[in-house]
Amino acid sequence: MFKLTVAAVVLIASTDAFVPTTSRITRSGPTMMTPAEVEAMNRKAIAGPQKGNAAPAAGGDPYSYKKSPDMGIKKQDDSKGTKFKYDPSNYKDSANDGNYRRLSDALSAAKAEDEKLKKEAEAIQEAERKEREFLAQENATFWNTPGDKIVAESSEMYIPPNVLQVIEDLDKELIGLKPVKEKMRRYAAQMLNHKIRQQTNIKSAIPPLHHVFTGNPGTGKTTVAMKMGELYNEMGFINVGHTVQATRADLVGQYIGHTGPKTKEMITRSFGGILFIDEAYGLYKEDSRDYGSEVIEMLVKFMDNVPTTDFVVCLAGYRNLMTKMLNANLNLMSRMGNWIDFPDYDDDELLQISELLANQYQYAYPDDAKAEFNRFMNIRKEFPYFSNARTVRNAMERARRISATRVLKDALDNGATYTMDEIQSFKATDFTLMADEIAPLDRGTMLP
């Protein structure tokens, strides 16, 4: 009996667990515990051993023993070490906020997208229906209308006076160039035919307006491009009618990524008018590392994607070099629907240009001076880089300087006064001096 009692006492003393008993086992035998003693013992078991068996602090929770004990497990200190602690706010992606929408929002967005696609499909179907109706009406008009029916009268359908004025100005400002002027008249006639066909519900479309100008310098390519923009605008083919001039330096960049923005800027500046690229053959080089090919690719892209009424390209340059460039870029050549060749001016046309310039300068231009001018031009043609009308302009400007020097010398030497005839007249000696100066020079000499 004593041995069992001692064993029970040792077992109870070695544990801190709750002791659900109301009796106390001692050497002298079991004794009954009061309820207050049982509660005090339970509190002590939960609170754990206290230093010096001190009583709980005053004001403590008298029912703390009822709360979940930590069972002696030590809490981890997250402030030290590299312990992972998941916090959803640290992983929120502002770019994907839409992924956290409620299901109702997602369903509403899907419904809105379906309605948008449905409207787009209905719009496409409506456009196709109208196209079928127009084609049916067009075919009926074409096949069922008698050939002798009058569809328009000249009192109603005619070439507008402003279009005729542009063509007339072209005749006045440009000498010769009969093929070019004839083509401008054909465009005016085509515009009138386009309007008549539209009025009678017959299929009609604006013709391709992209051009290639070939010819030597000074044959009027830039002037014609300017007038062409005005003419197309008056005809209603393009929206604005201005002409933007560009060369390789305006389009090609000096390093990777520079060509695209430069080319796009020039293209957008020309919207509604004509982009005139002089010496366009400079865009093509056989070196694959050259950036000019990027310009050609962008031109083709814009020609395909932008309506003709907003973007027209005109390429100009020497005949042989332009042919070489376009043969190497078939995509570009196939989109240039109009080719105009500018011939060199003959002697009579060069003389007419000089007469036109003398009239603009308000100078008298006698016949003997014209004869000496012809002699000077014949000698000048023997030198390289003869530039047609540009060379004539340079010659007439030089004649003005020689004339002014002559008048001043006469006044200083003879003490004469300046007369109206002297200050506004060319003389044969002015052009004779010019011809005599270049006649003895080597024929390889560069002249203006």
Protein backbone atom coordinates (compact mmCIF):
# COMPACT_ATOMS: atom_id res chain seq x y z
CA MET A 1 0.00 0.00 0.00
CA PHE A 2 2.82 2.41 0.79
CA LYS A 3 4.55 1.72 -2.47
CA LEU A 4 1.45 2.56 -4.54
CA THR A 5 0.97 5.78 -2.61
CA VAL A 6 4.55 6.94 -3.26
CA ALA A 7 4.29 6.11 -6.97
CA ALA A 8 1.11 8.13 -7.33
CA VAL A 9 2.69 11.12 -5.60
CA VAL A 10 5.74 11.02 -7.90
CA LEU A 11 3.53 10.84 -11.02
CA ILE A 12 1.40 13.79 -9.98
CA ALA A 13 4.38 15.91 -8.99
CA SER A 14 6.12 15.37 -12.38
CA THR A 15 3.37 16.83 -14.56
CA ASP A 16 2.06 20.37 -15.12
CA ALA A 17 -1.22 19.17 -16.61
CA PHE A 18 -4.62 19.84 -15.23
CA VAL A 19 -5.37 17.59 -12.22
CA PRO A 20 -9.07 16.76 -12.19
CA THR A 21 -9.29 15.44 -8.63
CA THR A 22 -10.65 16.71 -5.37
CA SER A 23 -8.50 14.50 -3.11
CA ARG A 24 -4.94 14.86 -1.90
CA ILE A 25 -2.71 11.83 -1.41
CA THR A 26 -0.26 12.06 1.44
CA ARG A 27 1.83 9.66 3.47
CA SER A 28 -0.89 9.57 6.10
CA GLY A 29 -3.61 8.83 3.54
CA PRO A 30 -5.95 10.66 1.17
CA THR A 31 -7.69 13.83 2.36
CA MET A 32 -10.48 15.76 0.68
CA MET A 33 -9.67 19.23 -1.02
CA THR A 34 -11.96 22.14 -0.86
CA PRO A 35 -13.19 23.74 -4.15
CA ALA A 36 -11.06 26.82 -3.53
CA GLU A 37 -7.95 24.69 -3.23
CA VAL A 38 -8.78 22.86 -6.48
CA GLU A 39 -9.20 26.17 -8.37
CA ALA A 40 -5.93 27.54 -6.98
CA MET A 41 -4.09 24.39 -8.00
CA ASN A 42 -5.47 24.57 -11.55
CA ARG A 43 -4.45 28.22 -11.90
CA LYS A 44 -0.96 27.35 -10.77
CA ALA A 45 -0.72 24.49 -13.26
CA ILE A 46 -1.73 26.75 -16.19
CA ALA A 47 0.40 29.74 -15.21
CA GLY A 48 3.49 27.61 -14.80
CA PRO A 49 6.09 27.94 -12.11
CA GLN A 50 6.67 31.47 -10.86
CA LYS A 51 9.86 32.77 -9.45
CA GLY A 52 9.79 32.47 -5.68
CA ASN A 53 6.24 31.09 -5.88
CA ALA A 54 4.99 34.67 -6.04
CA ALA A 55 1.29 35.22 -6.34
CA PRO A 56 -0.17 36.56 -9.64
CA ALA A 57 0.01 40.28 -10.10
CA ALA A 58 -2.90 42.24 -8.85
CA GLY A 59 -5.39 43.24 -11.47
CA GLY A 60 -4.58 40.22 -13.70
CA ASP A 61 -7.19 38.24 -15.61
CA PRO A 62 -8.72 35.87 -13.09
CA TYR A 63 -9.99 33.69 -15.95
CA SER A 64 -6.83 33.45 -17.94
CA TYR A 65 -6.65 29.79 -17.16
CA LYS A 66 -9.71 29.29 -19.35
CA LYS A 67 -7.86 30.59 -22.44
CA SER A 68 -5.89 28.31 -24.73
CA PRO A 69 -2.51 27.66 -23.17
CA ASP A 70 0.66 27.76 -25.22
CA MET A 71 1.45 24.30 -23.90
CA GLY A 72 5.03 25.43 -23.37
CA ILE A 73 5.71 26.04 -27.10
CA LYS A 74 8.02 28.97 -27.72
CA LYS A 75 6.82 31.59 -30.24
CA GLN A 76 9.05 32.39 -33.25
CA ASP A 77 10.48 35.88 -33.58
CA ASP A 78 9.82 36.96 -37.21
CA SER A 79 11.89 40.12 -36.79
CA LYS A 80 15.08 38.09 -37.03
CA GLY A 81 16.32 35.75 -39.72
CA THR A 82 15.08 35.28 -43.32
CA LYS A 83 11.66 33.79 -42.61
CA PHE A 84 9.08 34.01 -45.43
CA LYS A 85 5.92 35.88 -44.53
CA TYR A 86 3.24 36.09 -47.26
CA ASP A 87 1.50 39.43 -47.57
CA PRO A 88 -0.93 39.66 -50.56
CA SER A 89 -0.60 43.47 -50.68
CA ASN A 90 3.06 43.09 -51.60
CA TYR A 91 2.16 41.15 -54.74
CA LYS A 92 -0.60 43.34 -56.14
CA ASP A 93 0.01 44.20 -59.82
CA SER A 94 -1.59 47.51 -60.82
CA ALA A 95 -1.46 46.44 -64.48
CA ASN A 96 -3.70 43.49 -63.69
CA ASP A 97 -6.25 45.20 -61.48
CA GLY A 98 -8.89 44.04 -63.92
CA ASN A 99 -8.14 40.45 -62.94
CA TYR A 100 -9.57 41.13 -59.48
CA ARG A 101 -12.93 42.34 -60.69
CA ARG A 102 -15.99 40.73 -59.37
CA LEU A 103 -17.63 38.08 -61.47
CA SER A 104 -20.53 40.40 -62.28
CA ASP A 105 -18.11 43.00 -63.70
CA ALA A 106 -16.41 40.36 -65.84
CA LEU A 107 -19.75 39.21 -67.18
CA SER A 108 -20.77 42.79 -67.96
CA ALA A 109 -17.52 43.40 -69.84
CA ALA A 110 -17.99 40.20 -71.82
CA LYS A 111 -21.53 41.23 -72.69
CA ALA A 112 -20.37 44.69 -73.81
CA GLU A 113 -17.67 43.13 -75.98
CA ASP A 114 -20.23 40.80 -77.57
CA GLU A 115 -22.51 43.75 -78.32
CA LYS A 116 -19.59 45.68 -79.87
CA LEU A 117 -18.68 42.74 -82.10
CA LYS A 118 -22.31 42.33 -83.05
CA LYS A 119 -22.60 46.00 -84.07
CA GLU A 120 -19.41 45.78 -86.11
CA ALA A 121 -20.71 42.70 -87.89
CA GLU A 122 -24.01 44.45 -88.59
CA ALA A 123 -22.15 47.49 -89.98
CA ILE A 124 -20.10 45.25 -92.29
CA GLN A 125 -23.22 43.46 -93.45
CA GLU A 126 -24.98 46.78 -94.07
CA ALA A 127 -22.03 48.07 -96.09
CA GLU A 128 -22.00 44.87 -98.15
CA ARG A 129 -25.75 45.16 -98.73
CA LYS A 130 -25.40 48.75 -99.95
CA GLU A 131 -22.52 47.72 -102.18
CA ARG A 132 -24.63 44.97 -103.73
CA GLU A 133 -27.51 47.38 -104.27
CA PHE A 134 -25.18 49.94 -105.87
CA LEU A 135 -23.64 47.32 -108.16
CA ALA A 136 -27.09 46.11 -109.15
CA GLN A 137 -28.20 49.68 -109.90
CA GLU A 138 -24.95 50.35 -111.73
CA ASN A 139 -25.34 47.25 -113.89
CA ALA A 140 -28.95 48.12 -114.60
CA THR A 141 -27.94 51.63 -115.63
CA PHE A 142 -25.14 50.36 -117.81
CA TRP A 143 -27.12 47.66 -119.62
CA ASN A 144 -30.62 49.16 -119.69
CA THR A 145 -29.86 52.79 -120.58
CA PRO A 146 -30.09 53.45 -124.32
CA GLY A 147 -26.84 54.51 -125.89
CA ASP A 148 -28.33 57.69 -127.37
CA LYS A 149 -29.81 58.93 -124.09
CA ILE A 150 -28.47 62.35 -123.02
CA VAL A 151 -27.04 62.05 -119.51
CA ALA A 152 -25.47 65.52 -119.18
CA GLU A 153 -25.31 68.85 -120.93
CA SER A 154 -22.36 71.17 -121.36
CA SER A 155 -24.27 73.97 -119.65
CA GLU A 156 -24.29 71.89 -116.46
CA MET A 157 -21.17 69.74 -116.69
CA TYR A 158 -18.04 71.58 -117.75
CA ILE A 159 -14.43 72.07 -116.70
CA PRO A 160 -14.44 74.74 -113.97
CA PRO A 161 -12.83 78.08 -114.90
CA ASN A 162 -10.31 77.81 -112.06
CA VAL A 163 -9.01 74.56 -113.55
CA LEU A 164 -8.64 76.21 -116.95
CA GLN A 165 -6.86 79.12 -115.25
CA VAL A 166 -4.25 76.78 -113.77
CA ILE A 167 -3.61 75.25 -117.19
CA GLU A 168 -3.39 78.71 -118.76
CA ASP A 169 -0.88 79.81 -116.11
CA LEU A 170 1.16 76.72 -116.90
CA ASP A 171 1.22 77.76 -120.57
CA LYS A 172 2.39 81.25 -119.67
CA GLU A 173 5.05 80.28 -117.15
CA LEU A 174 6.54 77.32 -119.00
CA ILE A 175 7.95 77.46 -122.51
CA GLY A 176 7.59 74.32 -124.57
CA LEU A 177 6.85 71.09 -122.72
CA LYS A 178 3.98 70.25 -125.06
CA PRO A 179 3.73 66.60 -123.87
CA VAL A 180 3.46 67.75 -120.25
CA LYS A 181 0.77 70.35 -120.94
CA GLU A 182 -1.18 67.89 -123.06
CA LYS A 183 -1.21 65.45 -120.17
CA MET A 184 -2.51 68.13 -117.82
CA ARG A 185 -5.39 68.76 -120.22
CA ARG A 186 -6.12 65.04 -120.30
CA TYR A 187 -6.35 65.02 -116.50
CA ALA A 188 -8.84 67.89 -116.64
CA ALA A 189 -10.94 65.98 -119.18
CA GLN A 190 -10.78 62.86 -117.05
CA MET A 191 -12.00 64.81 -114.04
CA LEU A 192 -15.02 66.02 -116.00
CA ASN A 193 -15.74 62.48 -117.20
CA HIS A 194 -15.45 61.25 -113.62
CA LYS A 195 -18.12 63.71 -112.45
CA ILE A 196 -20.49 62.83 -115.30
CA ARG A 197 -20.21 59.10 -114.55
CA GLN A 198 -20.88 59.74 -110.87
CA GLN A 199 -24.00 61.72 -111.73
CA THR A 200 -25.34 58.91 -113.90
CA ASN A 201 -24.59 56.21 -111.27
CA ILE A 202 -21.90 54.54 -113.36
CA LYS A 203 -18.83 53.16 -111.66
CA SER A 204 -16.04 55.71 -111.52
CA ALA A 205 -12.90 56.07 -109.44
CA ILE A 206 -10.19 58.68 -109.08
CA PRO A 207 -7.28 57.64 -111.32
CA PRO A 208 -3.85 56.88 -109.84
CA LEU A 209 -2.06 60.15 -109.25
CA HIS A 210 1.47 59.04 -108.34
CA HIS A 211 4.01 60.28 -110.89
CA VAL A 212 7.56 59.80 -112.09
CA PHE A 213 9.22 62.80 -113.74
CA THR A 214 12.32 62.07 -115.78
CA GLY A 215 14.55 64.55 -117.55
CA ASN A 216 17.66 66.67 -117.33
CA PRO A 217 18.02 69.58 -114.89
CA GLY A 218 16.19 72.79 -115.68
CA THR A 219 13.39 71.21 -117.73
CA GLY A 220 10.59 72.39 -115.40
CA LYS A 221 9.97 69.31 -113.25
CA THR A 222 9.66 71.20 -109.97
CA THR A 223 7.47 73.93 -111.50
CA VAL A 224 5.13 71.35 -113.00
CA ALA A 225 4.89 69.53 -109.66
CA MET A 226 3.81 72.79 -107.99
CA LYS A 227 1.18 73.46 -110.65
CA MET A 228 0.04 69.84 -110.56
CA GLY A 229 -0.81 70.18 -106.85
CA GLU A 230 -2.97 73.23 -107.61
CA LEU A 231 -4.57 71.49 -110.58
CA TYR A 232 -5.44 68.32 -108.64
CA ASN A 233 -6.91 70.40 -105.84
CA GLU A 234 -9.11 72.39 -108.22
CA MET A 235 -10.21 69.16 -109.85
CA GLY A 236 -11.17 67.68 -106.49
CA PHE A 237 -8.64 64.85 -106.69
CA ILE A 238 -6.71 65.92 -103.56
CA ASN A 239 -7.82 67.83 -100.48
CA VAL A 240 -5.28 70.67 -100.08
CA GLY A 241 -3.01 71.00 -103.09
CA HIS A 242 0.28 72.05 -101.52
CA THR A 243 3.61 70.56 -102.59
CA VAL A 244 6.32 69.48 -100.13
CA GLN A 245 9.80 69.22 -101.67
CA ALA A 246 12.30 66.71 -100.29
CA THR A 247 15.66 65.20 -101.15
CA ARG A 248 17.62 62.28 -99.78
CA ALA A 249 19.01 64.46 -96.98
CA ASP A 250 15.46 65.20 -95.77
CA LEU A 251 14.48 61.52 -95.62
CA VAL A 252 17.50 59.35 -94.82
CA GLY A 253 18.96 59.37 -91.32
CA GLN A 254 22.56 59.04 -90.26
CA TYR A 255 22.16 56.12 -87.84
CA ILE A 256 19.84 53.20 -87.11
CA GLY A 257 16.35 54.30 -86.11
CA HIS A 258 16.73 57.83 -87.48
CA THR A 259 15.38 57.30 -91.00
CA GLY A 260 11.88 56.21 -90.04
CA PRO A 261 10.90 59.32 -88.02
CA LYS A 262 12.43 61.69 -90.62
CA THR A 263 10.58 60.03 -93.48
CA LYS A 264 7.30 59.89 -91.58
CA GLU A 265 7.55 63.59 -90.73
CA MET A 266 7.94 64.55 -94.41
CA ILE A 267 5.10 62.22 -95.44
CA THR A 268 2.68 63.60 -92.85
CA ARG A 269 3.58 67.17 -93.84
CA SER A 270 2.53 66.37 -97.41
CA PHE A 271 -0.87 64.89 -96.49
CA GLY A 272 -3.54 66.46 -98.66
CA GLY A 273 -0.99 67.46 -101.30
CA ILE A 274 2.05 66.14 -103.17
CA LEU A 275 5.35 64.86 -101.81
CA PHE A 276 7.89 65.82 -104.50
CA ILE A 277 11.20 63.97 -104.09
CA ASP A 278 13.86 65.50 -106.34
CA GLU A 279 16.83 63.35 -107.37
CA ALA A 280 14.94 60.34 -106.00
CA TYR A 281 17.47 57.95 -107.50
CA GLY A 282 19.68 58.87 -104.51
CA LEU A 283 17.42 56.69 -102.32
CA TYR A 284 18.71 53.56 -104.04
CA LYS A 285 22.21 52.24 -103.51
CA GLU A 286 23.45 48.73 -104.10
CA ASP A 287 24.94 48.67 -100.60
CA SER A 288 22.48 46.69 -98.46
CA ARG A 289 23.49 48.68 -95.38
CA ASP A 290 22.20 51.93 -96.85
CA TYR A 291 19.12 53.39 -95.13
CA GLY A 292 17.55 54.61 -98.38
CA SER A 293 15.78 51.26 -98.82
CA GLU A 294 13.86 51.96 -95.60
CA VAL A 295 12.50 55.16 -97.15
CA ILE A 296 11.29 53.27 -100.21
CA GLU A 297 9.56 50.68 -98.01
CA MET A 298 7.76 53.40 -96.06
CA LEU A 299 6.64 55.13 -99.25
CA VAL A 300 5.15 51.88 -100.56
CA LYS A 301 3.39 51.29 -97.23
CA PHE A 302 1.80 54.74 -97.14
CA MET A 303 0.83 54.56 -100.83
CA ASP A 304 -1.07 51.34 -100.08
CA ASN A 305 -2.72 52.43 -96.83
CA VAL A 306 -3.48 56.13 -97.34
CA PRO A 307 -6.18 57.24 -99.83
CA THR A 308 -5.00 58.94 -103.00
CA THR A 309 -6.91 62.08 -102.02
CA ASP A 310 -4.56 62.49 -99.03
CA PHE A 311 -1.18 61.33 -100.29
CA VAL A 312 0.42 61.67 -103.73
CA VAL A 313 4.08 60.88 -104.48
CA CYS A 314 6.06 62.42 -107.33
CA LEU A 315 9.61 61.13 -107.96
CA ALA A 316 11.96 63.10 -110.19
CA GLY A 317 15.46 62.61 -111.53
CA TYR A 318 17.68 61.76 -114.48
CA ARG A 319 16.09 59.33 -116.91
CA ASN A 320 18.71 56.56 -116.76
CA LEU A 321 19.22 56.71 -112.99
CA MET A 322 15.48 56.70 -112.26
CA THR A 323 15.02 53.70 -114.54
CA LYS A 324 17.77 51.83 -112.69
CA MET A 325 16.27 52.61 -109.29
CA LEU A 326 12.73 51.58 -110.21
CA ASN A 327 13.89 48.38 -111.90
CA ALA A 328 15.56 47.43 -108.61
CA ASN A 329 12.35 48.24 -106.62
CA LEU A 330 9.49 46.63 -108.51
CA ASN A 331 7.03 47.20 -105.64
CA LEU A 332 7.54 50.93 -106.01
CA MET A 333 7.56 50.92 -109.81
CA SER A 334 4.23 49.06 -110.00
CA ARG A 335 2.56 51.83 -107.97
CA MET A 336 3.82 54.72 -110.08
CA GLY A 337 1.04 54.83 -112.64
CA ASN A 338 2.09 57.96 -114.54
CA TRP A 339 5.41 58.67 -116.23
CA ILE A 340 6.20 62.04 -117.79
CA ASP A 341 9.45 62.63 -119.64
CA PHE A 342 10.64 66.22 -119.81
CA PRO A 343 12.62 66.81 -123.03
CA ASP A 344 15.49 69.28 -123.35
CA TYR A 345 14.64 72.70 -124.72
CA ASP A 346 15.63 73.48 -128.30
CA ASP A 347 17.27 76.76 -129.39
CA ASP A 348 13.99 78.55 -130.11
CA GLU A 349 12.56 77.56 -126.72
CA LEU A 350 15.71 78.71 -124.92
CA LEU A 351 15.42 82.07 -126.67
CA GLN A 352 11.76 82.31 -125.65
CA ILE A 353 12.73 81.64 -122.04
CA SER A 354 15.29 84.49 -122.22
CA GLU A 355 12.62 86.80 -123.65
CA LEU A 356 10.27 85.83 -120.82
CA LEU A 357 12.94 86.62 -118.22
CA ALA A 358 13.86 89.95 -119.89
CA ASN A 359 10.20 90.90 -119.76
CA GLN A 360 10.07 90.00 -116.05
CA TYR A 361 13.18 92.10 -115.41
CA GLN A 362 11.62 94.96 -117.46
CA TYR A 363 14.60 95.16 -119.83
CA ALA A 364 14.54 96.03 -123.51
CA TYR A 365 15.85 93.05 -125.50
CA PRO A 366 16.77 94.03 -129.09
CA ASP A 367 17.24 91.50 -131.90
CA ASP A 368 21.04 91.90 -132.10
CA ALA A 369 21.26 91.07 -128.39
CA LYS A 370 19.12 87.96 -128.99
CA ALA A 371 21.48 86.85 -131.77
CA GLU A 372 24.47 87.14 -129.44
CA PHE A 373 22.52 85.27 -126.77
CA ASN A 374 22.04 82.36 -129.20
CA ARG A 375 25.77 82.33 -129.94
CA PHE A 376 26.57 82.24 -126.22
CA MET A 377 24.15 79.33 -125.62
CA ASN A 378 25.60 77.30 -128.49
CA ILE A 379 29.08 77.65 -126.96
CA ARG A 380 27.75 76.88 -123.47
CA LYS A 381 26.24 73.59 -124.64
CA GLU A 382 29.74 72.34 -125.42
CA PHE A 383 30.55 72.38 -121.69
CA PRO A 384 29.29 69.78 -119.20
CA TYR A 385 26.15 70.03 -117.09
CA PHE A 386 24.03 72.20 -119.32
CA SER A 387 20.84 72.83 -117.31
CA ASN A 388 18.36 74.15 -119.89
CA ALA A 389 16.16 76.87 -118.37
CA ARG A 390 18.38 77.08 -115.29
CA THR A 391 21.38 77.90 -117.47
CA VAL A 392 19.32 80.53 -119.30
CA ARG A 393 18.37 82.17 -116.01
CA ASN A 394 22.03 82.23 -114.90
CA ALA A 395 23.03 83.79 -118.24
CA MET A 396 20.37 86.51 -118.04
CA GLU A 397 21.38 87.33 -114.46
CA ARG A 398 24.97 87.66 -115.59
CA ALA A 399 23.89 89.90 -118.49
CA ARG A 400 22.18 92.21 -115.99
CA ARG A 401 25.41 92.59 -114.01
CA ILE A 402 27.42 93.26 -117.18
CA SER A 403 24.84 95.81 -118.32
CA ALA A 404 24.99 97.63 -114.98
CA THR A 405 28.80 97.71 -115.12
CA ARG A 406 28.68 99.10 -118.66
CA VAL A 407 26.28 101.90 -117.73
CA LEU A 408 28.35 102.89 -114.69
CA LYS A 409 31.61 102.90 -116.70
CA ASP A 410 30.13 105.11 -119.41
CA ALA A 411 28.86 107.57 -116.83
CA LEU A 412 32.21 107.76 -115.05
CA ASP A 413 34.33 107.99 -118.21
CA ASN A 414 32.17 110.41 -120.20
CA GLY A 415 30.45 112.28 -117.41
CA ALA A 416 27.09 111.46 -118.90
CA THR A 417 23.89 111.19 -116.94
CA TYR A 418 21.92 107.97 -116.53
CA THR A 419 19.03 107.70 -118.96
CA MET A 420 16.00 105.49 -118.74
CA ASP A 421 17.00 103.60 -121.90
CA GLU A 422 20.46 102.87 -120.56
CA ILE A 423 19.37 101.46 -117.19
CA GLN A 424 16.69 99.17 -118.65
CA SER A 425 18.21 97.83 -121.87
CA PHE A 426 20.34 94.88 -122.87
CA LYS A 427 22.88 95.43 -125.64
CA ALA A 428 24.54 92.95 -127.95
CA THR A 429 27.91 93.73 -126.40
CA ASP A 430 26.71 92.38 -123.06
CA PHE A 431 26.23 88.88 -124.50
CA THR A 432 29.28 89.17 -126.77
CA LEU A 433 31.45 89.68 -123.69
CA MET A 434 29.92 86.58 -122.09
CA ALA A 435 30.56 84.43 -125.17
CA ASP A 436 34.11 85.65 -125.62
CA GLU A 437 34.95 84.86 -122.00
CA ILE A 438 34.05 81.15 -122.22
CA ALA A 439 35.06 80.43 -125.82
CA PRO A 440 38.78 79.84 -125.14
CA LEU A 441 38.19 77.68 -122.03
CA ASP A 442 38.77 73.94 -121.91
CA ARG A 443 35.54 72.10 -122.67
CA GLY A 444 35.77 70.17 -119.43
CA THR A 445 35.53 73.34 -117.35
CA MET A 446 32.59 73.59 -114.96
CA LEU A 447 30.39 76.58 -115.73
CA PRO A 448 27.20 77.92 -114.11
